[in-house]
Protein backbone atom coordinates (compact mmCIF):
# COMPACT_ATOMS: atom_id res chain seq x y z
CA UNK A 1 16.60 2.18 17.61
CA UNK A 2 14.04 4.16 15.62
CA UNK A 3 16.61 6.06 13.55
CA UNK A 4 18.67 2.94 12.85
CA UNK A 5 15.58 1.14 11.54
CA UNK A 6 14.40 4.08 9.45
CA UNK A 7 17.84 4.57 7.91
CA UNK A 8 18.33 0.94 6.88
CA UNK A 9 17.92 -0.06 3.25
CA UNK A 10 16.20 -3.32 4.18
CA UNK A 11 13.43 -1.35 5.92
CA UNK A 12 12.67 0.72 2.82
CA UNK A 13 12.68 -2.33 0.56
CA UNK A 14 10.14 -3.98 2.86
CA UNK A 15 8.09 -0.75 2.93
CA UNK A 16 7.89 -0.74 -0.87
CA UNK A 17 7.02 -4.43 -1.12
CA UNK A 18 4.41 -4.35 1.65
CA UNK A 19 2.93 -1.14 0.25
CA UNK A 20 2.68 -2.58 -3.25
CA UNK A 21 1.01 -5.77 -2.01
CA UNK A 22 -1.42 -3.68 0.05
CA UNK A 23 -2.32 -1.44 -2.90
CA UNK A 24 -2.96 -4.37 -5.21
CA UNK A 25 -5.00 -6.41 -2.72
CA UNK A 26 -6.96 -3.42 -1.45
CA UNK A 27 -7.75 -2.23 -4.97
CA UNK A 28 -8.91 -5.66 -6.13
CA UNK A 29 -11.07 -6.22 -3.05
CA UNK A 30 -12.56 -2.72 -3.27
CA UNK A 31 -13.29 -3.16 -6.97
CA UNK A 32 -15.02 -6.48 -6.43
CA UNK A 33 -17.10 -5.13 -3.56
CA UNK A 34 -18.03 -1.87 -5.26
CA UNK A 35 -18.91 -3.25 -8.68
CA UNK A 36 -19.93 -6.78 -7.79
CA UNK A 37 -17.39 -8.31 -10.15
CA UNK A 38 -15.02 -7.25 -12.87
CA UNK A 39 -16.60 -4.17 -14.42
CA UNK A 40 -13.70 -2.44 -16.17
CA UNK A 41 -15.91 -0.20 -18.32
CA UNK A 42 -17.78 1.18 -15.31
CA UNK A 43 -14.54 1.61 -13.40
CA UNK A 44 -12.95 3.52 -16.27
CA UNK A 45 -16.00 5.77 -16.61
CA UNK A 46 -16.17 6.58 -12.89
CA UNK A 47 -12.49 6.87 -11.97
CA UNK A 48 -10.59 7.77 -15.12
CA UNK A 49 -12.93 9.66 -17.44
CA UNK A 50 -14.56 11.74 -14.70
CA UNK A 51 -11.19 13.10 -13.61
CA UNK A 52 -11.02 11.24 -10.31
CA UNK A 53 -7.89 9.33 -11.30
CA UNK A 54 -5.55 11.72 -9.44
CA UNK A 55 -7.46 11.31 -6.20
CA UNK A 56 -7.67 7.54 -6.74
CA UNK A 57 -3.94 7.26 -7.43
CA UNK A 58 -2.90 9.51 -4.54
CA UNK A 59 -5.08 7.62 -2.08
CA UNK A 60 -3.48 4.34 -3.14
CA UNK A 61 0.06 5.71 -2.90
CA UNK A 62 -0.44 7.32 0.51
CA UNK A 63 -2.30 4.30 1.88
CA UNK A 64 0.30 1.87 0.61
CA UNK A 65 3.15 3.97 1.94
CA UNK A 66 1.63 4.30 5.40
CA UNK A 67 0.74 0.61 5.57
CA UNK A 68 4.22 -0.39 4.42
CA UNK A 69 5.94 1.95 6.87
CA UNK A 70 3.94 0.72 9.85
CA UNK A 71 4.28 -2.98 9.09
CA UNK A 72 7.87 -2.64 7.92
CA UNK A 73 8.82 -0.96 11.19
CA UNK A 74 6.97 -3.59 13.20
CA UNK A 75 8.72 -6.48 11.43
CA UNK A 76 12.16 -4.82 11.63
CA UNK A 77 11.74 -4.06 15.33
CA UNK A 78 10.59 -7.60 16.00
CA UNK A 79 13.55 -9.03 14.10
CA UNK A 80 16.03 -6.89 16.01
CA UNK A 81 14.51 -7.78 19.37
CA UNK A 82 14.70 -11.49 18.59
CA UNK A 83 18.36 -11.21 17.52
CA UNK A 84 19.36 -9.30 20.67
């Protein structure tokens, strides 16, 4: 069952969509909590100009991918169990 889910195209589409939604929501919530509002200048100074943009970007990609893979697998497994 695991290999059939991992090899399906629908699983990877859901992984990308769930990961993207996670990255956007997580980034917005973190930004609001860290800066107390929309502080683009401070964000740019801390993350982009100080050279932390690679770490910031990699953390978002890895986090989104892991989140999408876990939830995508859960939803696919649940769907297949209900259809059986």
